C-alpha atoms as a PDB file:
ATOM      1  CA  UNK A   1      13.428  -6.821   9.998  1.00  0.00           C
ATOM      2  CA  UNK A   2      13.033  -7.728   6.078  1.00  0.00           C
ATOM      3  CA  UNK A   3      11.363  -5.918   4.065  1.00  0.00           C
ATOM      4  CA  UNK A   4       9.566  -8.591   0.325  1.00  0.00           C
ATOM      5  CA  UNK A   5       7.984  -5.232  -0.974  1.00  0.00           C
ATOM      6  CA  UNK A   6      10.883  -4.359  -1.624  1.00  0.00           C
ATOM      7  CA  UNK A   7      11.506  -7.285  -3.468  1.00  0.00           C
ATOM      8  CA  UNK A   8      10.099  -5.506  -6.964  1.00  0.00           C
ATOM      9  CA  UNK A   9      12.565  -2.606  -6.428  1.00  0.00           C
ATOM     10  CA  UNK A  10      15.356  -1.249  -8.354  1.00  0.00           C
ATOM     11  CA  UNK A  11      17.221   1.528  -6.531  1.00  0.00           C
ATOM     12  CA  UNK A  12      20.106   3.651  -6.335  1.00  0.00           C
ATOM     13  CA  UNK A  13      21.828   4.489  -3.284  1.00  0.00           C
ATOM     14  CA  UNK A  14      24.579   7.179  -3.379  1.00  0.00           C
ATOM     15  CA  UNK A  15      27.733   7.029  -0.786  1.00  0.00           C
ATOM     16  CA  UNK A  16      27.498   3.242  -0.835  1.00  0.00           C
ATOM     17  CA  UNK A  17      31.062   2.571  -0.397  1.00  0.00           C
ATOM     18  CA  UNK A  18      30.590   3.138   2.864  1.00  0.00           C
ATOM     19  CA  UNK A  19      28.934   3.715   6.309  1.00  0.00           C
ATOM     20  CA  UNK A  20      25.207   4.141   6.031  1.00  0.00           C
ATOM     21  CA  UNK A  21      25.064   3.607   2.264  1.00  0.00           C
ATOM     22  CA  UNK A  22      26.461   0.394   2.358  1.00  0.00           C
ATOM     23  CA  UNK A  23      24.581  -0.378   5.162  1.00  0.00           C
ATOM     24  CA  UNK A  24      21.388   0.162   3.059  1.00  0.00           C
ATOM     25  CA  UNK A  25      22.359  -0.935   0.065  1.00  0.00           C
ATOM     26  CA  UNK A  26      23.157  -4.522   1.823  1.00  0.00           C
ATOM     27  CA  UNK A  27      19.378  -4.583   3.397  1.00  0.00           C
ATOM     28  CA  UNK A  28      17.611  -3.512   0.017  1.00  0.00           C
ATOM     29  CA  UNK A  29      19.433  -6.572  -1.952  1.00  0.00           C
ATOM     30  CA  UNK A  30      19.393  -8.477   0.933  1.00  0.00           C
ATOM     31  CA  UNK A  31      15.254  -8.273   0.402  1.00  0.00           C
ATOM     32  CA  UNK A  32      15.254  -8.898  -3.863  1.00  0.00           C
ATOM     33  CA  UNK A  33      15.732  -5.025  -4.919  1.00  0.00           C
ATOM     34  CA  UNK A  34      17.939  -4.159  -7.717  1.00  0.00           C
ATOM     35  CA  UNK A  35      20.827  -1.795  -6.375  1.00  0.00           C
ATOM     36  CA  UNK A  36      23.138   0.397  -8.210  1.00  0.00           C
ATOM     37  CA  UNK A  37      25.762   1.553  -5.719  1.00  0.00           C
ATOM     38  CA  UNK A  38      27.226   5.027  -6.489  1.00  0.00           C
ATOM     39  CA  UNK A  39      30.028   6.486  -4.699  1.00  0.00           C
ATOM     40  CA  UNK A  40      33.666   7.376  -6.065  1.00  0.00           C
ATOM     41  CA  UNK A  41      35.643   4.452  -4.443  1.00  0.00           C
ATOM     42  CA  UNK A  42      35.592   1.593  -7.171  1.00  0.00           C
ATOM     43  CA  UNK A  43      37.084  -0.558  -5.456  1.00  0.00           C
ATOM     44  CA  UNK A  44      34.794  -0.495  -2.321  1.00  0.00           C
ATOM     45  CA  UNK A  45      32.055  -0.318  -4.745  1.00  0.00           C
ATOM     46  CA  UNK A  46      33.576  -3.729  -6.298  1.00  0.00           C
ATOM     47  CA  UNK A  47      34.038  -5.553  -3.395  1.00  0.00           C
ATOM     48  CA  UNK A  48      30.272  -4.826  -2.172  1.00  0.00           C
ATOM     49  CA  UNK A  49      29.052  -5.502  -5.245  1.00  0.00           C
ATOM     50  CA  UNK A  50      30.958  -8.560  -5.842  1.00  0.00           C
ATOM     51  CA  UNK A  51      29.643  -9.522  -1.687  1.00  0.00           C
ATOM     52  CA  UNK A  52      26.296  -8.273  -2.097  1.00  0.00           C
ATOM     53  CA  UNK A  53      25.810 -11.241  -5.639  1.00  0.00           C
ATOM     54  CA  UNK A  54      27.486 -13.680  -4.129  1.00  0.00           C
ATOM     55  CA  UNK A  55      24.757 -13.770  -1.548  1.00  0.00           C
ATOM     56  CA  UNK A  56      22.460 -14.275  -4.271  1.00  0.00           C
ATOM     57  CA  UNK A  57      21.400 -10.088  -4.046  1.00  0.00           C
ATOM     58  CA  UNK A  58      21.557  -7.742  -7.464  1.00  0.00           C
ATOM     59  CA  UNK A  59      24.130  -5.239  -7.644  1.00  0.00           C
ATOM     60  CA  UNK A  60      25.358  -2.583  -9.419  1.00  0.00           C
ATOM     61  CA  UNK A  61      28.959  -1.097  -8.721  1.00  0.00           C
ATOM     62  CA  UNK A  62      29.088   2.348 -10.766  1.00  0.00           C
ATOM     63  CA  UNK A  63      31.862   4.677  -9.853  1.00  0.00           C
ATOM     64  CA  UNK A  64      30.717   8.468  -9.176  1.00  0.00           C
ATOM     65  CA  UNK A  65      31.371  11.787  -8.069  1.00  0.00           C
ATOM     66  CA  UNK A  66      28.064  13.688  -7.118  1.00  0.00           C
ATOM     67  CA  UNK A  67      30.466  16.597  -7.173  1.00  0.00           C
ATOM     68  CA  UNK A  68      30.634  16.708 -11.064  1.00  0.00           C
ATOM     69  CA  UNK A  69      28.119  16.675 -13.408  1.00  0.00           C
ATOM     70  CA  UNK A  70      29.081  14.683 -16.382  1.00  0.00           C
ATOM     71  CA  UNK A  71      30.160  11.873 -13.851  1.00  0.00           C
ATOM     72  CA  UNK A  72      26.858  11.896 -12.890  1.00  0.00           C
ATOM     73  CA  UNK A  73      25.027  12.148 -16.456  1.00  0.00           C
ATOM     74  CA  UNK A  74      27.746   9.184 -16.478  1.00  0.00           C
ATOM     75  CA  UNK A  75      26.053   7.017 -13.841  1.00  0.00           C
ATOM     76  CA  UNK A  76      22.903   8.269 -14.924  1.00  0.00           C
ATOM     77  CA  UNK A  77      23.341   6.131 -17.832  1.00  0.00           C
ATOM     78  CA  UNK A  78      24.678   3.173 -16.785  1.00  0.00           C
ATOM     79  CA  UNK A  79      22.130   2.545 -13.938  1.00  0.00           C
ATOM     80  CA  UNK A  80      19.592   3.196 -16.842  1.00  0.00           C
ATOM     81  CA  UNK A  81      20.851   0.709 -19.771  1.00  0.00           C
ATOM     82  CA  UNK A  82      21.240  -1.822 -17.113  1.00  0.00           C
ATOM     83  CA  UNK A  83      18.716  -1.486 -14.616  1.00  0.00           C
ATOM     84  CA  UNK A  84      15.938   0.818 -16.694  1.00  0.00           C
ATOM     85  CA  UNK A  85      13.853   3.430 -14.831  1.00  0.00           C
ATOM     86  CA  UNK A  86      14.609   3.562 -11.347  1.00  0.00           C
ATOM     87  CA  UNK A  87      11.629   3.766  -8.252  1.00  0.00           C
ATOM     88  CA  UNK A  88      13.777   4.260  -5.185  1.00  0.00           C
ATOM     89  CA  UNK A  89      16.776   6.964  -4.158  1.00  0.00           C
ATOM     90  CA  UNK A  90      18.412   7.330  -1.481  1.00  0.00           C
ATOM     91  CA  UNK A  91      20.668  10.452  -1.660  1.00  0.00           C
ATOM     92  CA  UNK A  92      22.914   9.368   1.614  1.00  0.00           C
ATOM     93  CA  UNK A  93      25.996  10.515   0.461  1.00  0.00           C
ATOM     94  CA  UNK A  94      27.677  13.695   2.525  1.00  0.00           C
ATOM     95  CA  UNK A  95      31.103  14.889   4.132  1.00  0.00           C
ATOM     96  CA  UNK A  96      31.195  16.352   7.266  1.00  0.00           C
ATOM     97  CA  UNK A  97      34.384  18.867   7.632  1.00  0.00           C
ATOM     98  CA  UNK A  98      33.998  21.311  11.106  1.00  0.00           C
ATOM     99  CA  UNK A  99      36.264  23.929  11.528  1.00  0.00           C
ATOM    100  CA  UNK A 100      35.779  27.544  13.445  1.00  0.00           C
ATOM    101  CA  UNK A 101      34.093  29.917  11.029  1.00  0.00           C
ATOM    102  CA  UNK A 102      36.599  31.858  11.390  1.00  0.00           C
ATOM    103  CA  UNK A 103      39.352  29.992   9.939  1.00  0.00           C
ATOM    104  CA  UNK A 104      37.759  30.741   6.834  1.00  0.00           C
ATOM    105  CA  UNK A 105      38.256  27.465   5.094  1.00  0.00           C
ATOM    106  CA  UNK A 106      36.486  28.394   1.623  1.00  0.00           C
ATOM    107  CA  UNK A 107      38.523  24.663   0.438  1.00  0.00           C
ATOM    108  CA  UNK A 108      36.027  22.491   3.240  1.00  0.00           C
ATOM    109  CA  UNK A 109      32.492  24.959   2.382  1.00  0.00           C
ATOM    110  CA  UNK A 110      32.712  23.905  -1.288  1.00  0.00           C
ATOM    111  CA  UNK A 111      33.689  20.989  -0.513  1.00  0.00           C
ATOM    112  CA  UNK A 112      30.848  20.256   2.001  1.00  0.00           C
ATOM    113  CA  UNK A 113      28.249  22.351  -0.549  1.00  0.00           C
ATOM    114  CA  UNK A 114      29.491  20.536  -3.503  1.00  0.00           C
ATOM    115  CA  UNK A 115      28.749  16.891  -2.097  1.00  0.00           C
ATOM    116  CA  UNK A 116      25.935  17.519   0.536  1.00  0.00           C
ATOM    117  CA  UNK A 117      23.537  20.548  -1.269  1.00  0.00           C
ATOM    118  CA  UNK A 118      24.651  20.494  -5.144  1.00  0.00           C
ATOM    119  CA  UNK A 119      25.419  16.821  -5.187  1.00  0.00           C
ATOM    120  CA  UNK A 120      22.437  16.471  -3.932  1.00  0.00           C
ATOM    121  CA  UNK A 121      20.684  17.923  -6.034  1.00  0.00           C
ATOM    122  CA  UNK A 122      22.292  16.651  -9.607  1.00  0.00           C
ATOM    123  CA  UNK A 123      21.049  12.611  -8.335  1.00  0.00           C
ATOM    124  CA  UNK A 124      17.735  13.934  -8.112  1.00  0.00           C
ATOM    125  CA  UNK A 125      17.225  16.377 -11.828  1.00  0.00           C
ATOM    126  CA  UNK A 126      19.030  12.575 -12.894  1.00  0.00           C
ATOM    127  CA  UNK A 127      16.619  10.231 -10.784  1.00  0.00           C
ATOM    128  CA  UNK A 128      12.976  12.230 -10.844  1.00  0.00           C
ATOM    129  CA  UNK A 129      12.168  11.395 -14.397  1.00  0.00           C
ATOM    130  CA  UNK A 130      11.840   7.982 -13.119  1.00  0.00           C
ATOM    131  CA  UNK A 131      10.217   8.553 -10.229  1.00  0.00           C
ATOM    132  CA  UNK A 132       7.712  10.338 -10.822  1.00  0.00           C
ATOM    133  CA  UNK A 133       6.946   7.802 -14.543  1.00  0.00           C
ATOM    134  CA  UNK A 134       6.490   4.663 -11.827  1.00  0.00           C
ATOM    135  CA  UNK A 135       4.608   6.602  -9.834  1.00  0.00           C
ATOM    136  CA  UNK A 136       2.228   7.501 -12.907  1.00  0.00           C
ATOM    137  CA  UNK A 137       2.480   2.945 -13.309  1.00  0.00           C
ATOM    138  CA  UNK A 138       0.526   3.015 -10.239  1.00  0.00           C
ATOM    139  CA  UNK A 139       3.875   1.814  -8.324  1.00  0.00           C
ATOM    140  CA  UNK A 140       5.280   3.105  -5.495  1.00  0.00           C
ATOM    141  CA  UNK A 141       7.903   6.411  -5.959  1.00  0.00           C
ATOM    142  CA  UNK A 142      10.314   6.686  -3.287  1.00  0.00           C
ATOM    143  CA  UNK A 143      12.991   9.550  -2.854  1.00  0.00           C
ATOM    144  CA  UNK A 144      14.658   9.731   0.933  1.00  0.00           C
ATOM    145  CA  UNK A 145      16.585  12.181   1.717  1.00  0.00           C
ATOM    146  CA  UNK A 146      19.722  11.782   4.489  1.00  0.00           C
ATOM    147  CA  UNK A 147      20.342  14.514   6.155  1.00  0.00           C
ATOM    148  CA  UNK A 148      21.493  14.897   9.638  1.00  0.00           C
ATOM    149  CA  UNK A 149      19.915  16.518  13.347  1.00  0.00           C
ATOM    150  CA  UNK A 150      23.198  19.244  12.704  1.00  0.00           C
ATOM    151  CA  UNK A 151      20.409  20.688  10.468  1.00  0.00           C
ATOM    152  CA  UNK A 152      18.408  21.730  13.207  1.00  0.00           C
ATOM    153  CA  UNK A 153      20.456  21.648  16.030  1.00  0.00           C
ATOM    154  CA  UNK A 154      23.628  24.110  17.117  1.00  0.00           C
ATOM    155  CA  UNK A 155      26.600  22.058  17.152  1.00  0.00           C
ATOM    156  CA  UNK A 156      29.818  25.166  17.633  1.00  0.00           C
ATOM    157  CA  UNK A 157      32.297  25.057  15.086  1.00  0.00           C
ATOM    158  CA  UNK A 158      29.684  23.200  12.825  1.00  0.00           C
ATOM    159  CA  UNK A 159      28.000  25.698  11.097  1.00  0.00           C
ATOM    160  CA  UNK A 160      28.763  25.169   7.135  1.00  0.00           C
ATOM    161  CA  UNK A 161      28.175  21.707   7.528  1.00  0.00           C
ATOM    162  CA  UNK A 162      24.564  21.844   9.898  1.00  0.00           C
ATOM    163  CA  UNK A 163      23.683  24.727   7.142  1.00  0.00           C
ATOM    164  CA  UNK A 164      23.824  22.374   4.895  1.00  0.00           C
ATOM    165  CA  UNK A 165      22.220  19.706   5.953  1.00  0.00           C
ATOM    166  CA  UNK A 166      19.567  22.200   6.963  1.00  0.00           C
ATOM    167  CA  UNK A 167      19.267  22.802   3.318  1.00  0.00           C
ATOM    168  CA  UNK A 168      18.689  19.286   2.385  1.00  0.00           C
ATOM    169  CA  UNK A 169      16.272  19.629   5.334  1.00  0.00           C
ATOM    170  CA  UNK A 170      14.530  22.409   3.143  1.00  0.00           C
ATOM    171  CA  UNK A 171      14.716  20.752   0.538  1.00  0.00           C
ATOM    172  CA  UNK A 172      12.986  17.889   1.156  1.00  0.00           C
ATOM    173  CA  UNK A 173      10.217  19.570   1.853  1.00  0.00           C
ATOM    174  CA  UNK A 174       9.881  21.834  -0.869  1.00  0.00           C
ATOM    175  CA  UNK A 175      10.443  18.529  -3.218  1.00  0.00           C
ATOM    176  CA  UNK A 176       7.433  17.083  -1.804  1.00  0.00           C
ATOM    177  CA  UNK A 177       5.664  20.500  -2.951  1.00  0.00           C
ATOM    178  CA  UNK A 178       6.712  19.370  -6.388  1.00  0.00           C
ATOM    179  CA  UNK A 179       6.401  15.476  -6.735  1.00  0.00           C
ATOM    180  CA  UNK A 180       3.728  14.629  -3.674  1.00  0.00           C
ATOM    181  CA  UNK A 181       1.089  15.576  -5.734  1.00  0.00           C
ATOM    182  CA  UNK A 182       2.427  13.432  -8.222  1.00  0.00           C
ATOM    183  CA  UNK A 183       2.727  10.370  -5.943  1.00  0.00           C
ATOM    184  CA  UNK A 184       6.576  10.158  -5.837  1.00  0.00           C
ATOM    185  CA  UNK A 185       7.223  10.323  -1.197  1.00  0.00           C
ATOM    186  CA  UNK A 186      10.071  12.479  -0.065  1.00  0.00           C
ATOM    187  CA  UNK A 187      11.665  11.736   2.907  1.00  0.00           C
ATOM    188  CA  UNK A 188      14.368  13.305   5.159  1.00  0.00           C
ATOM    189  CA  UNK A 189      15.974  11.382   7.350  1.00  0.00           C
ATOM    190  CA  UNK A 190      17.821  12.865  10.042  1.00  0.00           C
ATOM    191  CA  UNK A 191      19.820  10.668  11.927  1.00  0.00           C
ATOM    192  CA  UNK A 192      22.253  11.379  15.442  1.00  0.00           C
ATOM    193  CA  UNK A 193      25.434  10.117  16.537  1.00  0.00           C
ATOM    194  CA  UNK A 194      26.127   7.514  14.159  1.00  0.00           C
ATOM    195  CA  UNK A 195      28.572   5.326  14.345  1.00  0.00           C
ATOM    196  CA  UNK A 196      30.693   5.589  10.709  1.00  0.00           C
ATOM    197  CA  UNK A 197      33.307   7.044   8.988  1.00  0.00           C
ATOM    198  CA  UNK A 198      32.363  10.533   9.044  1.00  0.00           C
ATOM    199  CA  UNK A 199      34.179  11.518  11.738  1.00  0.00           C
ATOM    200  CA  UNK A 200      37.528  10.415  10.597  1.00  0.00           C
ATOM    201  CA  UNK A 201      37.593  13.575   7.588  1.00  0.00           C
ATOM    202  CA  UNK A 202      37.740  15.531  10.277  1.00  0.00           C
ATOM    203  CA  UNK A 203      41.640  17.087  10.453  1.00  0.00           C
ATOM    204  CA  UNK A 204      40.807  19.634  13.485  1.00  0.00           C
ATOM    205  CA  UNK A 205      41.907  17.731  16.609  1.00  0.00           C
ATOM    206  CA  UNK A 206      40.247  19.804  19.127  1.00  0.00           C
ATOM    207  CA  UNK A 207      37.070  18.588  17.536  1.00  0.00           C
ATOM    208  CA  UNK A 208      38.073  15.061  16.378  1.00  0.00           C
ATOM    209  CA  UNK A 209      38.909  14.638  19.657  1.00  0.00           C
ATOM    210  CA  UNK A 210      35.679  15.880  21.099  1.00  0.00           C
ATOM    211  CA  UNK A 211      33.590  14.214  18.472  1.00  0.00           C
ATOM    212  CA  UNK A 212      35.699  10.508  20.032  1.00  0.00           C
ATOM    213  CA  UNK A 213      34.110  11.726  23.859  1.00  0.00           C
ATOM    214  CA  UNK A 214      30.581  11.582  22.498  1.00  0.00           C
ATOM    215  CA  UNK A 215      30.946   8.103  20.954  1.00  0.00           C
ATOM    216  CA  UNK A 216      33.029   6.776  24.244  1.00  0.00           C
ATOM    217  CA  UNK A 217      29.523   8.821  26.592  1.00  0.00           C
ATOM    218  CA  UNK A 218      26.871   8.091  24.618  1.00  0.00           C
ATOM    219  CA  UNK A 219      25.779   4.614  22.501  1.00  0.00           C
ATOM    220  CA  UNK A 220      26.043   5.336  18.469  1.00  0.00           C
ATOM    221  CA  UNK A 221      23.554   4.415  16.839  1.00  0.00           C
ATOM    222  CA  UNK A 222      25.250   1.617  14.240  1.00  0.00           C
ATOM    223  CA  UNK A 223      24.719   1.956   9.770  1.00  0.00           C
ATOM    224  CA  UNK A 224      22.330  -0.758  10.047  1.00  0.00           C
ATOM    225  CA  UNK A 225      20.023   1.289  12.290  1.00  0.00           C
ATOM    226  CA  UNK A 226      20.088   3.563   9.783  1.00  0.00           C
ATOM    227  CA  UNK A 227      19.500   1.354   6.628  1.00  0.00           C
ATOM    228  CA  UNK A 228      16.250  -0.581   8.626  1.00  0.00           C
ATOM    229  CA  UNK A 229      15.144   2.994   8.868  1.00  0.00           C
ATOM    230  CA  UNK A 230      14.821   3.537   5.459  1.00  0.00           C
ATOM    231  CA  UNK A 231      14.017   0.044   4.393  1.00  0.00           C
ATOM    232  CA  UNK A 232      10.933   0.664   6.616  1.00  0.00           C
ATOM    233  CA  UNK A 233      10.610   3.666   5.661  1.00  0.00           C
ATOM    234  CA  UNK A 234      10.042   2.996   2.096  1.00  0.00           C
ATOM    235  CA  UNK A 235       7.768  -0.577   2.100  1.00  0.00           C
ATOM    236  CA  UNK A 236       5.156   1.576   3.510  1.00  0.00           C
ATOM    237  CA  UNK A 237       1.699   1.840   1.803  1.00  0.00           C
ATOM    238  CA  UNK A 238       1.803   3.721  -1.015  1.00  0.00           C
ATOM    239  CA  UNK A 239      -0.068   6.597  -0.347  1.00  0.00           C
ATOM    240  CA  UNK A 240       1.407   6.579   3.159  1.00  0.00           C
ATOM    241  CA  UNK A 241       4.947   9.057   3.628  1.00  0.00           C
ATOM    242  CA  UNK A 242       6.951   9.282   6.179  1.00  0.00           C
ATOM    243  CA  UNK A 243       8.211  12.779   5.327  1.00  0.00           C
ATOM    244  CA  UNK A 244      10.607  13.645   7.967  1.00  0.00           C
ATOM    245  CA  UNK A 245      12.409  11.369  10.426  1.00  0.00           C
ATOM    246  CA  UNK A 246      14.676  12.160  13.084  1.00  0.00           C
ATOM    247  CA  UNK A 247      16.790   9.238  14.894  1.00  0.00           C
ATOM    248  CA  UNK A 248      18.517   9.794  17.991  1.00  0.00           C
ATOM    249  CA  UNK A 249      20.646   7.725  19.933  1.00  0.00           C
ATOM    250  CA  UNK A 250      18.695   7.062  23.516  1.00  0.00           C
ATOM    251  CA  UNK A 251      21.236   8.637  25.857  1.00  0.00           C
ATOM    252  CA  UNK A 252      21.606  11.899  22.942  1.00  0.00           C
ATOM    253  CA  UNK A 253      18.043  12.426  23.180  1.00  0.00           C
END
């Protein structure tokens, strides 16, 4: 689908170097939005920005580590210097590192919490003043947090990942009570099995094989499916907040 209403929007997308973030950035730009691409992998971001620009879109590559406050602060300055205030933020960056809790992988716990929850909070802190200002001017303003079905469906050995995503979904609900009265929409999107590189970070061979078996048994969602859902969500009339969306492959449902 195309969403002409995006032509007036200025967006920030985290985790834009691959997967759902990349697909969302492409969709937003294809429909006319100015898009700031935030992620750690400079080469991937530069290539994506060049492709979007070559296709007639507008994109800005901003190398950012959302686990580092100074990096987020610098990214916000870069975005504001280039584009001014933004009115659409897609908090998509995330990492999934499952292992049995008994393994005591504190390094993985810390990385998931710092990325999936604290990193998202840093982005909210950096850009929520833009969103509230846009809404005060009568424009549409959106914060979209990409969570996961794991926020409320329990998977063995995914305890910490699921906890971070449950926290992100709960954060979205809490932020609606703060930002909703100021006309900023907050949406949590929870994809089920989706074909991205997220599973490539798994270093546990048993869990990696399990996930591969799921992909073999269930026709998964694509990153483009989630990008389209985000596009639809943020182009509803500004008084309509699609607050909590769960998207599953039909056979997973």
